[in-house]
Amino acid sequence: MTEQARRVQMDLSPSSYERLKRVKGLTEAGTYAEVMKDALRLYEYVVQKDTEGASFFVKKDGEMSEIKIFA
């Protein structure tokens, strides 16, 4: 049995649409759907790790800083 694609329609505020366009350009994604699928995959991973008690860090110029994604 093959999996069928499902169509999802959503309304975005102007600022959210601009953010979507910006990320599409930054990632050189071919479509908005590709951006959304990648974003969902990342969000799912972060939510799962947060549920498991993981901490998140950003490293810039050799310095590590913990970030709070879900406050």
N, C-alpha and C. Protein backbone atom coordinates (compact mmCIF):
# COMPACT_ATOMS: atom_id res chain seq x y z
N MET A 1 0.85 -1.19 0.00
CA MET A 1 0.00 0.00 0.00
C MET A 1 0.88 1.24 0.00
N THR A 2 0.65 2.14 -0.92
CA THR A 2 1.46 3.36 -1.00
C THR A 2 0.82 4.46 -0.18
N GLU A 3 1.68 5.29 0.37
CA GLU A 3 1.21 6.42 1.18
C GLU A 3 0.84 7.57 0.26
N GLN A 4 -0.34 8.14 0.46
CA GLN A 4 -0.77 9.26 -0.36
C GLN A 4 -0.46 10.57 0.34
N ALA A 5 -0.05 11.56 -0.45
CA ALA A 5 0.20 12.89 0.09
C ALA A 5 -1.13 13.52 0.53
N ARG A 6 -1.06 14.31 1.56
CA ARG A 6 -2.24 15.04 2.05
C ARG A 6 -1.99 16.52 1.83
N ARG A 7 -2.98 17.21 1.35
CA ARG A 7 -2.87 18.65 1.13
C ARG A 7 -3.27 19.36 2.41
N VAL A 8 -2.45 20.33 2.81
CA VAL A 8 -2.71 21.14 4.00
C VAL A 8 -2.66 22.59 3.57
N GLN A 9 -3.68 23.33 3.90
CA GLN A 9 -3.72 24.75 3.58
C GLN A 9 -3.67 25.52 4.88
N MET A 10 -2.90 26.61 4.91
CA MET A 10 -2.82 27.40 6.13
C MET A 10 -2.71 28.88 5.79
N ASP A 11 -3.18 29.69 6.68
CA ASP A 11 -3.05 31.13 6.55
C ASP A 11 -1.88 31.57 7.43
N LEU A 12 -1.01 32.40 6.87
CA LEU A 12 0.13 32.93 7.61
C LEU A 12 0.00 34.44 7.69
N SER A 13 0.43 34.98 8.82
CA SER A 13 0.48 36.44 8.93
C SER A 13 1.55 36.93 7.96
N PRO A 14 1.51 38.19 7.60
CA PRO A 14 2.55 38.72 6.70
C PRO A 14 3.97 38.48 7.22
N SER A 15 4.18 38.64 8.51
CA SER A 15 5.53 38.44 9.05
C SER A 15 5.95 36.97 8.99
N SER A 16 5.01 36.05 9.22
CA SER A 16 5.33 34.62 9.12
C SER A 16 5.62 34.23 7.68
N TYR A 17 4.88 34.81 6.74
CA TYR A 17 5.13 34.52 5.33
C TYR A 17 6.51 35.04 4.92
N GLU A 18 6.88 36.22 5.39
CA GLU A 18 8.21 36.76 5.08
C GLU A 18 9.30 35.87 5.67
N ARG A 19 9.07 35.36 6.88
CA ARG A 19 10.02 34.44 7.51
C ARG A 19 10.16 33.18 6.67
N LEU A 20 9.05 32.63 6.20
CA LEU A 20 9.06 31.43 5.36
C LEU A 20 9.85 31.69 4.08
N LYS A 21 9.61 32.84 3.44
CA LYS A 21 10.35 33.19 2.22
C LYS A 21 11.84 33.33 2.50
N ARG A 22 12.19 33.96 3.64
CA ARG A 22 13.59 34.15 4.00
C ARG A 22 14.30 32.82 4.22
N VAL A 23 13.65 31.90 4.93
CA VAL A 23 14.25 30.59 5.18
C VAL A 23 14.38 29.81 3.88
N LYS A 24 13.39 29.92 3.02
CA LYS A 24 13.47 29.24 1.71
C LYS A 24 14.69 29.71 0.95
N GLY A 25 14.93 31.01 0.96
CA GLY A 25 16.10 31.55 0.28
C GLY A 25 17.41 31.14 0.93
N LEU A 26 17.46 31.20 2.25
CA LEU A 26 18.67 30.84 2.98
C LEU A 26 19.07 29.39 2.78
N THR A 27 18.07 28.53 2.68
CA THR A 27 18.34 27.09 2.55
C THR A 27 18.36 26.63 1.10
N GLU A 28 18.04 27.53 0.19
CA GLU A 28 17.96 27.20 -1.24
C GLU A 28 16.99 26.05 -1.50
N ALA A 29 15.93 26.00 -0.69
CA ALA A 29 14.89 24.99 -0.86
C ALA A 29 14.14 25.27 -2.16
N GLY A 30 13.69 24.21 -2.80
CA GLY A 30 12.98 24.36 -4.06
C GLY A 30 11.55 24.84 -3.90
N THR A 31 10.94 24.50 -2.76
CA THR A 31 9.53 24.83 -2.54
C THR A 31 9.30 25.22 -1.08
N TYR A 32 8.17 25.88 -0.85
CA TYR A 32 7.77 26.16 0.53
C TYR A 32 7.46 24.86 1.26
N ALA A 33 6.92 23.88 0.54
CA ALA A 33 6.62 22.58 1.16
C ALA A 33 7.88 21.93 1.69
N GLU A 34 8.98 22.05 0.95
CA GLU A 34 10.26 21.49 1.41
C GLU A 34 10.71 22.16 2.71
N VAL A 35 10.56 23.48 2.78
CA VAL A 35 10.91 24.21 4.00
C VAL A 35 10.06 23.72 5.16
N MET A 36 8.75 23.60 4.93
CA MET A 36 7.84 23.17 5.99
C MET A 36 8.12 21.75 6.45
N LYS A 37 8.43 20.84 5.52
CA LYS A 37 8.73 19.46 5.89
C LYS A 37 10.01 19.39 6.73
N ASP A 38 11.03 20.14 6.32
CA ASP A 38 12.28 20.16 7.09
C ASP A 38 12.06 20.77 8.46
N ALA A 39 11.27 21.85 8.51
CA ALA A 39 10.98 22.50 9.79
C ALA A 39 10.23 21.57 10.72
N LEU A 40 9.27 20.84 10.19
CA LEU A 40 8.50 19.90 11.00
C LEU A 40 9.39 18.79 11.54
N ARG A 41 10.28 18.28 10.68
CA ARG A 41 11.21 17.22 11.09
C ARG A 41 12.10 17.71 12.24
N LEU A 42 12.62 18.93 12.12
CA LEU A 42 13.47 19.50 13.17
C LEU A 42 12.67 19.75 14.44
N TYR A 43 11.49 20.30 14.31
CA TYR A 43 10.64 20.58 15.47
C TYR A 43 10.30 19.29 16.22
N GLU A 44 9.96 18.25 15.48
CA GLU A 44 9.65 16.96 16.10
C GLU A 44 10.85 16.45 16.90
N TYR A 45 12.05 16.55 16.32
CA TYR A 45 13.28 16.10 16.98
C TYR A 45 13.51 16.89 18.27
N VAL A 46 13.37 18.22 18.20
CA VAL A 46 13.61 19.06 19.37
C VAL A 46 12.59 18.77 20.46
N VAL A 47 11.33 18.61 20.09
CA VAL A 47 10.29 18.30 21.08
C VAL A 47 10.59 16.96 21.75
N GLN A 48 10.97 15.96 20.96
CA GLN A 48 11.28 14.64 21.53
C GLN A 48 12.45 14.73 22.50
N LYS A 49 13.52 15.40 22.11
CA LYS A 49 14.69 15.51 22.99
C LYS A 49 14.35 16.30 24.24
N ASP A 50 13.55 17.35 24.12
CA ASP A 50 13.13 18.13 25.28
C ASP A 50 12.32 17.25 26.23
N THR A 51 11.44 16.43 25.68
CA THR A 51 10.64 15.50 26.49
C THR A 51 11.54 14.53 27.26
N GLU A 52 12.66 14.16 26.64
CA GLU A 52 13.62 13.25 27.27
C GLU A 52 14.53 13.95 28.28
N GLY A 53 14.39 15.27 28.43
CA GLY A 53 15.17 16.02 29.40
C GLY A 53 16.47 16.60 28.86
N ALA A 54 16.64 16.64 27.55
CA ALA A 54 17.87 17.16 26.96
C ALA A 54 17.95 18.68 27.12
N SER A 55 19.18 19.18 27.11
CA SER A 55 19.44 20.62 27.09
C SER A 55 19.96 20.98 25.71
N PHE A 56 19.80 22.24 25.33
CA PHE A 56 20.21 22.70 24.01
C PHE A 56 21.23 23.82 24.16
N PHE A 57 22.26 23.76 23.33
CA PHE A 57 23.34 24.72 23.39
C PHE A 57 23.66 25.26 22.00
N VAL A 58 24.18 26.49 22.00
CA VAL A 58 24.67 27.12 20.78
C VAL A 58 26.14 27.46 21.04
N LYS A 59 26.97 27.17 20.04
CA LYS A 59 28.39 27.49 20.16
C LYS A 59 28.73 28.56 19.13
N LYS A 60 29.26 29.67 19.61
CA LYS A 60 29.66 30.76 18.73
C LYS A 60 31.00 31.30 19.21
N ASP A 61 31.92 31.41 18.28
CA ASP A 61 33.27 31.90 18.61
C ASP A 61 33.88 31.15 19.78
N GLY A 62 33.64 29.84 19.82
CA GLY A 62 34.22 29.00 20.86
C GLY A 62 33.49 29.03 22.18
N GLU A 63 32.46 29.84 22.31
CA GLU A 63 31.71 29.94 23.57
C GLU A 63 30.39 29.21 23.46
N MET A 64 30.11 28.39 24.47
CA MET A 64 28.85 27.63 24.52
C MET A 64 27.85 28.37 25.40
N SER A 65 26.62 28.46 24.90
CA SER A 65 25.54 29.06 25.68
C SER A 65 24.33 28.17 25.61
N GLU A 66 23.75 27.90 26.77
CA GLU A 66 22.51 27.11 26.78
C GLU A 66 21.37 27.98 26.30
N ILE A 67 20.49 27.40 25.48
CA ILE A 67 19.33 28.14 25.03
C ILE A 67 18.07 27.44 25.54
N LYS A 68 17.09 28.22 25.87
CA LYS A 68 15.80 27.69 26.31
C LYS A 68 14.82 27.79 25.14
N ILE A 69 14.46 26.68 24.57
CA ILE A 69 13.53 26.68 23.45
C ILE A 69 12.10 26.70 23.94
N PHE A 70 11.83 25.93 24.96
CA PHE A 70 10.48 25.88 25.55
C PHE A 70 10.61 26.36 26.99
N ALA A 71 10.14 27.57 27.23
CA ALA A 71 10.28 28.14 28.58
C ALA A 71 9.14 27.75 29.47
